[in-house]
Amino acid sequence: MKRRRKRRSGEVNCTCGAYPFVHRMMGGDCNGAAFIREVFEMQMYGACRDCHFRTEDFQCEVLEGQDATTQCPELQEHIRYHGIKLYGMAKPRRSS
């Protein structure tokens, strides 16, 4: 029997296509793009309307790969609201 690892505080499950199973949001290959795509499609005239990543022809620069998914204001708000901890994300270098 395979043992499951202990759940960490701040984890949110995700069902995007990065893995064929339910996995930790923002972990490994899951970069939040599925969440951003869903929000973008649901909120065509909502929060995405005034987003600074929106192009003139109403495309999302984050979804087009021009900016990192972690820069999306809606994803940042989702991370803050749920208290998601970004385990395994690269930490900024210390200045020497």
PDB file of N, CA and C in Angstrom:
ATOM      1  N   MET A   1       0.832  -1.163   0.000  1.00  0.00           N
ATOM      2  CA  MET A   1       0.000   0.000   0.000  1.00  0.00           C
ATOM      3  C   MET A   1       0.896   1.252   0.000  1.00  0.00           C
ATOM      4  N   LYS A   2       0.604   2.153  -0.901  1.00  0.00           N
ATOM      5  CA  LYS A   2       1.411   3.369  -1.019  1.00  0.00           C
ATOM      6  C   LYS A   2       0.975   4.383   0.041  1.00  0.00           C
ATOM      7  N   ARG A   3       1.959   4.923   0.737  1.00  0.00           N
ATOM      8  CA  ARG A   3       1.656   5.923   1.769  1.00  0.00           C
ATOM      9  C   ARG A   3       1.545   7.299   1.129  1.00  0.00           C
ATOM     10  N   ARG A   4       0.565   8.027   1.530  1.00  0.00           N
ATOM     11  CA  ARG A   4       0.404   9.390   1.048  1.00  0.00           C
ATOM     12  C   ARG A   4       1.196  10.320   1.946  1.00  0.00           C
ATOM     13  N   ARG A   5       1.753  11.338   1.354  1.00  0.00           N
ATOM     14  CA  ARG A   5       2.503  12.273   2.168  1.00  0.00           C
ATOM     15  C   ARG A   5       1.530  13.141   2.952  1.00  0.00           C
ATOM     16  N   LYS A   6       1.995  13.625   4.083  1.00  0.00           N
ATOM     17  CA  LYS A   6       1.171  14.460   4.956  1.00  0.00           C
ATOM     18  C   LYS A   6       0.844  15.779   4.259  1.00  0.00           C
ATOM     19  N   ARG A   7      -0.383  16.205   4.354  1.00  0.00           N
ATOM     20  CA  ARG A   7      -0.829  17.451   3.735  1.00  0.00           C
ATOM     21  C   ARG A   7      -0.173  18.635   4.444  1.00  0.00           C
ATOM     22  N   ARG A   8       0.332  19.565   3.645  1.00  0.00           N
ATOM     23  CA  ARG A   8       0.963  20.769   4.187  1.00  0.00           C
ATOM     24  C   ARG A   8      -0.070  21.876   4.311  1.00  0.00           C
ATOM     25  N   SER A   9       0.119  22.748   5.286  1.00  0.00           N
ATOM     26  CA  SER A   9      -0.787  23.890   5.384  1.00  0.00           C
ATOM     27  C   SER A   9      -0.531  24.802   4.189  1.00  0.00           C
ATOM     28  N   GLY A  10      -1.583  25.391   3.674  1.00  0.00           N
ATOM     29  CA  GLY A  10      -1.443  26.281   2.534  1.00  0.00           C
ATOM     30  C   GLY A  10      -1.514  25.587   1.193  1.00  0.00           C
ATOM     31  N   GLU A  11      -1.815  24.294   1.161  1.00  0.00           N
ATOM     32  CA  GLU A  11      -1.933  23.581  -0.111  1.00  0.00           C
ATOM     33  C   GLU A  11      -3.354  23.685  -0.641  1.00  0.00           C
ATOM     34  N   VAL A  12      -3.463  23.885  -1.940  1.00  0.00           N
ATOM     35  CA  VAL A  12      -4.751  23.879  -2.620  1.00  0.00           C
ATOM     36  C   VAL A  12      -4.634  22.879  -3.763  1.00  0.00           C
ATOM     37  N   ASN A  13      -5.618  22.013  -3.900  1.00  0.00           N
ATOM     38  CA  ASN A  13      -5.589  21.009  -4.960  1.00  0.00           C
ATOM     39  C   ASN A  13      -5.966  21.620  -6.297  1.00  0.00           C
ATOM     40  N   CYS A  14      -5.409  21.055  -7.357  1.00  0.00           N
ATOM     41  CA  CYS A  14      -5.638  21.541  -8.712  1.00  0.00           C
ATOM     42  C   CYS A  14      -5.905  20.344  -9.611  1.00  0.00           C
ATOM     43  N   THR A  15      -6.727  20.540 -10.623  1.00  0.00           N
ATOM     44  CA  THR A  15      -7.046  19.454 -11.544  1.00  0.00           C
ATOM     45  C   THR A  15      -6.699  19.829 -12.978  1.00  0.00           C
ATOM     46  N   CYS A  16      -5.724  20.711 -13.165  1.00  0.00           N
ATOM     47  CA  CYS A  16      -5.354  21.136 -14.514  1.00  0.00           C
ATOM     48  C   CYS A  16      -4.687  19.982 -15.259  1.00  0.00           C
ATOM     49  N   GLY A  17      -4.350  20.203 -16.498  1.00  0.00           N
ATOM     50  CA  GLY A  17      -3.774  19.158 -17.331  1.00  0.00           C
ATOM     51  C   GLY A  17      -2.286  18.926 -17.140  1.00  0.00           C
ATOM     52  N   ALA A  18      -1.665  19.589 -16.178  1.00  0.00           N
ATOM     53  CA  ALA A  18      -0.232  19.391 -15.960  1.00  0.00           C
ATOM     54  C   ALA A  18       0.063  17.944 -15.541  1.00  0.00           C
ATOM     55  N   TYR A  19      -0.847  17.354 -14.785  1.00  0.00           N
ATOM     56  CA  TYR A  19      -0.716  15.969 -14.347  1.00  0.00           C
ATOM     57  C   TYR A  19      -2.056  15.273 -14.540  1.00  0.00           C
ATOM     58  N   PRO A  20      -2.055  13.955 -14.738  1.00  0.00           N
ATOM     59  CA  PRO A  20      -3.325  13.242 -14.929  1.00  0.00           C
ATOM     60  C   PRO A  20      -4.043  12.937 -13.616  1.00  0.00           C
ATOM     61  N   PHE A  21      -3.645  13.556 -12.529  1.00  0.00           N
ATOM     62  CA  PHE A  21      -4.248  13.315 -11.221  1.00  0.00           C
ATOM     63  C   PHE A  21      -4.369  14.645 -10.483  1.00  0.00           C
ATOM     64  N   VAL A  22      -5.130  14.624  -9.410  1.00  0.00           N
ATOM     65  CA  VAL A  22      -5.266  15.817  -8.580  1.00  0.00           C
ATOM     66  C   VAL A  22      -3.922  16.073  -7.916  1.00  0.00           C
ATOM     67  N   HIS A  23      -3.453  17.318  -7.981  1.00  0.00           N
ATOM     68  CA  HIS A  23      -2.114  17.639  -7.496  1.00  0.00           C
ATOM     69  C   HIS A  23      -2.130  18.990  -6.768  1.00  0.00           C
ATOM     70  N   ARG A  24      -0.997  19.336  -6.196  1.00  0.00           N
ATOM     71  CA  ARG A  24      -0.852  20.590  -5.468  1.00  0.00           C
ATOM     72  C   ARG A  24      -0.747  21.740  -6.458  1.00  0.00           C
ATOM     73  N   MET A  25      -1.586  22.751  -6.274  1.00  0.00           N
ATOM     74  CA  MET A  25      -1.545  23.914  -7.157  1.00  0.00           C
ATOM     75  C   MET A  25      -0.210  24.626  -7.008  1.00  0.00           C
ATOM     76  N   MET A  26       0.361  25.033  -8.128  1.00  0.00           N
ATOM     77  CA  MET A  26       1.633  25.748  -8.204  1.00  0.00           C
ATOM     78  C   MET A  26       2.816  24.873  -7.838  1.00  0.00           C
ATOM     79  N   GLY A  27       2.665  23.559  -7.944  1.00  0.00           N
ATOM     80  CA  GLY A  27       3.764  22.652  -7.645  1.00  0.00           C
ATOM     81  C   GLY A  27       4.218  21.923  -8.893  1.00  0.00           C
ATOM     82  N   GLY A  28       5.508  21.768  -9.076  1.00  0.00           N
ATOM     83  CA  GLY A  28       6.037  21.031 -10.212  1.00  0.00           C
ATOM     84  C   GLY A  28       5.681  21.699 -11.532  1.00  0.00           C
ATOM     85  N   ASP A  29       5.046  20.937 -12.425  1.00  0.00           N
ATOM     86  CA  ASP A  29       4.678  21.465 -13.743  1.00  0.00           C
ATOM     87  C   ASP A  29       3.430  22.331 -13.712  1.00  0.00           C
ATOM     88  N   CYS A  30       2.709  22.342 -12.611  1.00  0.00           N
ATOM     89  CA  CYS A  30       1.493  23.154 -12.501  1.00  0.00           C
ATOM     90  C   CYS A  30       1.905  24.593 -12.211  1.00  0.00           C
ATOM     91  N   ASN A  31       1.665  25.474 -13.173  1.00  0.00           N
ATOM     92  CA  ASN A  31       2.090  26.863 -13.005  1.00  0.00           C
ATOM     93  C   ASN A  31       0.927  27.831 -12.864  1.00  0.00           C
ATOM     94  N   GLY A  32      -0.280  27.318 -12.718  1.00  0.00           N
ATOM     95  CA  GLY A  32      -1.438  28.181 -12.538  1.00  0.00           C
ATOM     96  C   GLY A  32      -2.066  28.659 -13.832  1.00  0.00           C
ATOM     97  N   ALA A  33      -1.549  28.235 -14.978  1.00  0.00           N
ATOM     98  CA  ALA A  33      -2.079  28.688 -16.261  1.00  0.00           C
ATOM     99  C   ALA A  33      -3.530  28.256 -16.458  1.00  0.00           C
ATOM    100  N   ALA A  34      -3.882  27.068 -15.977  1.00  0.00           N
ATOM    101  CA  ALA A  34      -5.266  26.602 -16.116  1.00  0.00           C
ATOM    102  C   ALA A  34      -6.208  27.492 -15.318  1.00  0.00           C
ATOM    103  N   PHE A  35      -5.786  27.902 -14.136  1.00  0.00           N
ATOM    104  CA  PHE A  35      -6.601  28.811 -13.324  1.00  0.00           C
ATOM    105  C   PHE A  35      -6.774  30.145 -14.042  1.00  0.00           C
ATOM    106  N   ILE A  36      -5.682  30.674 -14.584  1.00  0.00           N
ATOM    107  CA  ILE A  36      -5.730  31.969 -15.279  1.00  0.00           C
ATOM    108  C   ILE A  36      -6.627  31.867 -16.514  1.00  0.00           C
ATOM    109  N   ARG A  37      -6.503  30.789 -17.260  1.00  0.00           N
ATOM    110  CA  ARG A  37      -7.327  30.598 -18.457  1.00  0.00           C
ATOM    111  C   ARG A  37      -8.814  30.555 -18.085  1.00  0.00           C
ATOM    112  N   GLU A  38      -9.117  29.847 -17.006  1.00  0.00           N
ATOM    113  CA  GLU A  38     -10.516  29.743 -16.557  1.00  0.00           C
ATOM    114  C   GLU A  38     -11.046  31.109 -16.121  1.00  0.00           C
ATOM    115  N   VAL A  39     -10.261  31.848 -15.371  1.00  0.00           N
ATOM    116  CA  VAL A  39     -10.679  33.184 -14.921  1.00  0.00           C
ATOM    117  C   VAL A  39     -10.852  34.101 -16.119  1.00  0.00           C
ATOM    118  N   PHE A  40      -9.921  34.039 -17.055  1.00  0.00           N
ATOM    119  CA  PHE A  40      -9.981  34.896 -18.238  1.00  0.00           C
ATOM    120  C   PHE A  40     -11.247  34.622 -19.044  1.00  0.00           C
ATOM    121  N   GLU A  41     -11.591  33.358 -19.207  1.00  0.00           N
ATOM    122  CA  GLU A  41     -12.784  33.009 -19.968  1.00  0.00           C
ATOM    123  C   GLU A  41     -14.062  33.359 -19.227  1.00  0.00           C
ATOM    124  N   MET A  42     -14.067  33.230 -17.906  1.00  0.00           N
ATOM    125  CA  MET A  42     -15.258  33.535 -17.114  1.00  0.00           C
ATOM    126  C   MET A  42     -15.451  35.037 -16.918  1.00  0.00           C
ATOM    127  N   GLN A  43     -14.366  35.795 -16.877  1.00  0.00           N
ATOM    128  CA  GLN A  43     -14.452  37.212 -16.532  1.00  0.00           C
ATOM    129  C   GLN A  43     -14.062  38.101 -17.698  1.00  0.00           C
ATOM    130  N   MET A  44     -14.540  37.798 -18.864  1.00  0.00           N
ATOM    131  CA  MET A  44     -14.190  38.612 -20.035  1.00  0.00           C
ATOM    132  C   MET A  44     -14.448  40.093 -19.788  1.00  0.00           C
ATOM    133  N   TYR A  45     -15.460  40.406 -19.013  1.00  0.00           N
ATOM    134  CA  TYR A  45     -15.774  41.801 -18.745  1.00  0.00           C
ATOM    135  C   TYR A  45     -15.648  42.129 -17.259  1.00  0.00           C
ATOM    136  N   GLY A  46     -14.994  41.269 -16.508  1.00  0.00           N
ATOM    137  CA  GLY A  46     -14.811  41.479 -15.077  1.00  0.00           C
ATOM    138  C   GLY A  46     -13.434  42.036 -14.772  1.00  0.00           C
ATOM    139  N   ALA A  47     -12.736  41.361 -13.874  1.00  0.00           N
ATOM    140  CA  ALA A  47     -11.430  41.827 -13.410  1.00  0.00           C
ATOM    141  C   ALA A  47     -10.398  41.895 -14.529  1.00  0.00           C
ATOM    142  N   CYS A  48     -10.499  41.023 -15.508  1.00  0.00           N
ATOM    143  CA  CYS A  48      -9.524  41.005 -16.602  1.00  0.00           C
ATOM    144  C   CYS A  48      -9.666  42.220 -17.524  1.00  0.00           C
ATOM    145  N   ARG A  49     -10.818  42.853 -17.501  1.00  0.00           N
ATOM    146  CA  ARG A  49     -11.056  43.998 -18.381  1.00  0.00           C
ATOM    147  C   ARG A  49     -10.073  45.142 -18.094  1.00  0.00           C
ATOM    148  N   ASP A  50      -9.772  45.370 -16.832  1.00  0.00           N
ATOM    149  CA  ASP A  50      -8.893  46.475 -16.448  1.00  0.00           C
ATOM    150  C   ASP A  50      -7.470  46.027 -16.128  1.00  0.00           C
ATOM    151  N   CYS A  51      -7.151  44.786 -16.407  1.00  0.00           N
ATOM    152  CA  CYS A  51      -5.832  44.245 -16.090  1.00  0.00           C
ATOM    153  C   CYS A  51      -4.765  44.877 -16.992  1.00  0.00           C
ATOM    154  N   HIS A  52      -3.602  45.160 -16.427  1.00  0.00           N
ATOM    155  CA  HIS A  52      -2.523  45.769 -17.206  1.00  0.00           C
ATOM    156  C   HIS A  52      -1.806  44.757 -18.108  1.00  0.00           C
ATOM    157  N   PHE A  53      -2.152  43.469 -18.015  1.00  0.00           N
ATOM    158  CA  PHE A  53      -1.596  42.458 -18.907  1.00  0.00           C
ATOM    159  C   PHE A  53      -2.487  42.212 -20.124  1.00  0.00           C
ATOM    160  N   ARG A  54      -3.568  42.932 -20.232  1.00  0.00           N
ATOM    161  CA  ARG A  54      -4.481  42.788 -21.368  1.00  0.00           C
ATOM    162  C   ARG A  54      -3.975  43.617 -22.529  1.00  0.00           C
ATOM    163  N   THR A  55      -3.963  43.020 -23.710  1.00  0.00           N
ATOM    164  CA  THR A  55      -3.528  43.745 -24.900  1.00  0.00           C
ATOM    165  C   THR A  55      -4.714  44.499 -25.493  1.00  0.00           C
ATOM    166  N   GLU A  56      -4.440  45.306 -26.518  1.00  0.00           N
ATOM    167  CA  GLU A  56      -5.496  46.089 -27.146  1.00  0.00           C
ATOM    168  C   GLU A  56      -6.583  45.224 -27.765  1.00  0.00           C
ATOM    169  N   ASP A  57      -6.216  44.050 -28.283  1.00  0.00           N
ATOM    170  CA  ASP A  57      -7.212  43.154 -28.873  1.00  0.00           C
ATOM    171  C   ASP A  57      -7.735  42.133 -27.855  1.00  0.00           C
ATOM    172  N   PHE A  58      -7.671  42.503 -26.569  1.00  0.00           N
ATOM    173  CA  PHE A  58      -8.190  41.724 -25.443  1.00  0.00           C
ATOM    174  C   PHE A  58      -7.607  40.322 -25.364  1.00  0.00           C
ATOM    175  N   GLN A  59      -6.313  40.226 -25.527  1.00  0.00           N
ATOM    176  CA  GLN A  59      -5.599  38.972 -25.285  1.00  0.00           C
ATOM    177  C   GLN A  59      -4.842  39.121 -23.974  1.00  0.00           C
ATOM    178  N   CYS A  60      -4.541  38.014 -23.346  1.00  0.00           N
ATOM    179  CA  CYS A  60      -3.830  38.023 -22.066  1.00  0.00           C
ATOM    180  C   CYS A  60      -2.354  37.737 -22.310  1.00  0.00           C
ATOM    181  N   GLU A  61      -1.496  38.677 -21.938  1.00  0.00           N
ATOM    182  CA  GLU A  61      -0.049  38.503 -22.127  1.00  0.00           C
ATOM    183  C   GLU A  61       0.487  37.332 -21.306  1.00  0.00           C
ATOM    184  N   VAL A  62      -0.125  37.063 -20.162  1.00  0.00           N
ATOM    185  CA  VAL A  62       0.319  35.943 -19.326  1.00  0.00           C
ATOM    186  C   VAL A  62       0.011  34.624 -20.023  1.00  0.00           C
ATOM    187  N   LEU A  63      -1.205  34.496 -20.564  1.00  0.00           N
ATOM    188  CA  LEU A  63      -1.575  33.259 -21.260  1.00  0.00           C
ATOM    189  C   LEU A  63      -0.806  33.079 -22.557  1.00  0.00           C
ATOM    190  N   GLU A  64      -0.370  34.176 -23.161  1.00  0.00           N
ATOM    191  CA  GLU A  64       0.425  34.091 -24.389  1.00  0.00           C
ATOM    192  C   GLU A  64       1.886  33.784 -24.097  1.00  0.00           C
ATOM    193  N   GLY A  65       2.270  33.741 -22.817  1.00  0.00           N
ATOM    194  CA  GLY A  65       3.630  33.397 -22.435  1.00  0.00           C
ATOM    195  C   GLY A  65       4.590  34.567 -22.397  1.00  0.00           C
ATOM    196  N   GLN A  66       4.074  35.787 -22.504  1.00  0.00           N
ATOM    197  CA  GLN A  66       4.940  36.962 -22.478  1.00  0.00           C
ATOM    198  C   GLN A  66       5.331  37.354 -21.056  1.00  0.00           C
ATOM    199  N   ASP A  67       4.546  36.947 -20.071  1.00  0.00           N
ATOM    200  CA  ASP A  67       4.843  37.216 -18.669  1.00  0.00           C
ATOM    201  C   ASP A  67       4.632  35.943 -17.863  1.00  0.00           C
ATOM    202  N   ALA A  68       5.256  35.893 -16.694  1.00  0.00           N
ATOM    203  CA  ALA A  68       5.139  34.718 -15.827  1.00  0.00           C
ATOM    204  C   ALA A  68       3.731  34.624 -15.257  1.00  0.00           C
ATOM    205  N   THR A  69       3.249  33.400 -15.065  1.00  0.00           N
ATOM    206  CA  THR A  69       1.903  33.218 -14.534  1.00  0.00           C
ATOM    207  C   THR A  69       1.764  33.808 -13.134  1.00  0.00           C
ATOM    208  N   THR A  70       2.849  33.821 -12.378  1.00  0.00           N
ATOM    209  CA  THR A  70       2.778  34.359 -11.019  1.00  0.00           C
ATOM    210  C   THR A  70       2.601  35.880 -11.009  1.00  0.00           C
ATOM    211  N   GLN A  71       2.696  36.539 -12.164  1.00  0.00           N
ATOM    212  CA  GLN A  71       2.494  37.981 -12.252  1.00  0.00           C
ATOM    213  C   GLN A  71       1.016  38.355 -12.405  1.00  0.00           C
ATOM    214  N   CYS A  72       0.162  37.386 -12.707  1.00  0.00           N
ATOM    215  CA  CYS A  72      -1.259  37.651 -12.917  1.00  0.00           C
ATOM    216  C   CYS A  72      -1.907  38.117 -11.611  1.00  0.00           C
ATOM    217  N   PRO A  73      -2.544  39.298 -11.604  1.00  0.00           N
ATOM    218  CA  PRO A  73      -3.170  39.815 -10.380  1.00  0.00           C
ATOM    219  C   PRO A  73      -4.264  38.896  -9.832  1.00  0.00           C
ATOM    220  N   GLU A  74      -5.037  38.254 -10.696  1.00  0.00           N
ATOM    221  CA  GLU A  74      -6.088  37.348 -10.227  1.00  0.00           C
ATOM    222  C   GLU A  74      -5.491  36.123  -9.542  1.00  0.00           C
ATOM    223  N   LEU A  75      -4.406  35.579 -10.092  1.00  0.00           N
ATOM    224  CA  LEU A  75      -3.743  34.434  -9.469  1.00  0.00           C
ATOM    225  C   LEU A  75      -3.112  34.853  -8.144  1.00  0.00           C
ATOM    226  N   GLN A  76      -2.501  36.029  -8.096  1.00  0.00           N
ATOM    227  CA  GLN A  76      -1.916  36.519  -6.851  1.00  0.00           C
ATOM    228  C   GLN A  76      -2.978  36.681  -5.770  1.00  0.00           C
ATOM    229  N   GLU A  77      -4.144  37.200  -6.154  1.00  0.00           N
ATOM    230  CA  GLU A  77      -5.239  37.353  -5.194  1.00  0.00           C
ATOM    231  C   GLU A  77      -5.724  35.987  -4.715  1.00  0.00           C
ATOM    232  N   HIS A  78      -5.816  35.021  -5.625  1.00  0.00           N
ATOM    233  CA  HIS A  78      -6.230  33.661  -5.261  1.00  0.00           C
ATOM    234  C   HIS A  78      -5.221  33.047  -4.285  1.00  0.00           C
ATOM    235  N   ILE A  79      -3.948  33.248  -4.549  1.00  0.00           N
ATOM    236  CA  ILE A  79      -2.897  32.725  -3.666  1.00  0.00           C
ATOM    237  C   ILE A  79      -2.990  33.373  -2.285  1.00  0.00           C
ATOM    238  N   ARG A  80      -3.184  34.698  -2.246  1.00  0.00           N
ATOM    239  CA  ARG A  80      -3.322  35.392  -0.960  1.00  0.00           C
ATOM    240  C   ARG A  80      -4.571  34.955  -0.208  1.00  0.00           C
ATOM    241  N   TYR A  81      -5.698  34.886  -0.908  1.00  0.00           N
ATOM    242  CA  TYR A  81      -6.974  34.549  -0.275  1.00  0.00           C
ATOM    243  C   TYR A  81      -6.936  33.164   0.361  1.00  0.00           C
ATOM    244  N   HIS A  82      -6.382  32.188  -0.350  1.00  0.00           N
ATOM    245  CA  HIS A  82      -6.329  30.823   0.157  1.00  0.00           C
ATOM    246  C   HIS A  82      -5.084  30.545   0.989  1.00  0.00           C
ATOM    247  N   GLY A  83      -4.179  31.500   1.089  1.00  0.00           N
ATOM    248  CA  GLY A  83      -2.961  31.306   1.867  1.00  0.00           C
ATOM    249  C   GLY A  83      -2.069  30.230   1.287  1.00  0.00           C
ATOM    250  N   ILE A  84      -2.042  30.130  -0.044  1.00  0.00           N
ATOM    251  CA  ILE A  84      -1.241  29.105  -0.701  1.00  0.00           C
ATOM    252  C   ILE A  84       0.232  29.411  -0.508  1.00  0.00           C
ATOM    253  N   LYS A  85       0.968  28.396  -0.098  1.00  0.00           N
ATOM    254  CA  LYS A  85       2.406  28.546   0.040  1.00  0.00           C
ATOM    255  C   LYS A  85       3.033  28.030  -1.247  1.00  0.00           C
ATOM    256  N   LEU A  86       3.926  28.778  -1.810  1.00  0.00           N
ATOM    257  CA  LEU A  86       4.551  28.402  -3.074  1.00  0.00           C
ATOM    258  C   LEU A  86       5.793  27.564  -2.797  1.00  0.00           C
ATOM    259  N   TYR A  87       5.571  26.307  -2.425  1.00  0.00           N
ATOM    260  CA  TYR A  87       6.670  25.384  -2.170  1.00  0.00           C
ATOM    261  C   TYR A  87       7.405  25.097  -3.461  1.00  0.00           C
ATOM    262  N   GLY A  88       8.715  25.083  -3.410  1.00  0.00           N
ATOM    263  CA  GLY A  88       9.502  24.705  -4.563  1.00  0.00           C
ATOM    264  C   GLY A  88       9.707  25.833  -5.570  1.00  0.00           C
ATOM    265  N   MET A  89       9.160  27.006  -5.320  1.00  0.00           N
ATOM    266  CA  MET A  89       9.356  28.119  -6.224  1.00  0.00           C
ATOM    267  C   MET A  89      10.742  28.711  -5.966  1.00  0.00           C
ATOM    268  N   ALA A  90      11.364  29.222  -6.978  1.00  0.00           N
ATOM    269  CA  ALA A  90      12.699  29.814  -6.833  1.00  0.00           C
ATOM    270  C   ALA A  90      12.612  31.057  -5.943  1.00  0.00           C
ATOM    271  N   LYS A  91      13.467  31.105  -4.975  1.00  0.00           N
ATOM    272  CA  LYS A  91      13.497  32.261  -4.078  1.00  0.00           C
ATOM    273  C   LYS A  91      14.485  33.273  -4.627  1.00  0.00           C
ATOM    274  N   PRO A  92      14.214  34.553  -4.392  1.00  0.00           N
ATOM    275  CA  PRO A  92      15.134  35.575  -4.905  1.00  0.00           C
ATOM    276  C   PRO A  92      16.514  35.436  -4.263  1.00  0.00           C
ATOM    277  N   ARG A  93      17.526  35.742  -5.052  1.00  0.00           N
ATOM    278  CA  ARG A  93      18.896  35.674  -4.547  1.00  0.00           C
ATOM    279  C   ARG A  93      19.144  36.802  -3.560  1.00  0.00           C
ATOM    280  N   ARG A  94      19.995  36.514  -2.602  1.00  0.00           N
ATOM    281  CA  ARG A  94      20.411  37.564  -1.677  1.00  0.00           C
ATOM    282  C   ARG A  94      21.456  38.436  -2.342  1.00  0.00           C
ATOM    283  N   SER A  95      21.350  39.714  -2.115  1.00  0.00           N
ATOM    284  CA  SER A  95      22.384  40.603  -2.674  1.00  0.00           C
ATOM    285  C   SER A  95      23.606  40.557  -1.772  1.00  0.00           C
ATOM    286  N   SER A  96      24.781  40.472  -2.369  1.00  0.00           N
ATOM    287  CA  SER A  96      25.995  40.362  -1.552  1.00  0.00           C
ATOM    288  C   SER A  96      26.754  41.652  -1.468  1.00  0.00           C
TER     289      SER A  96
END
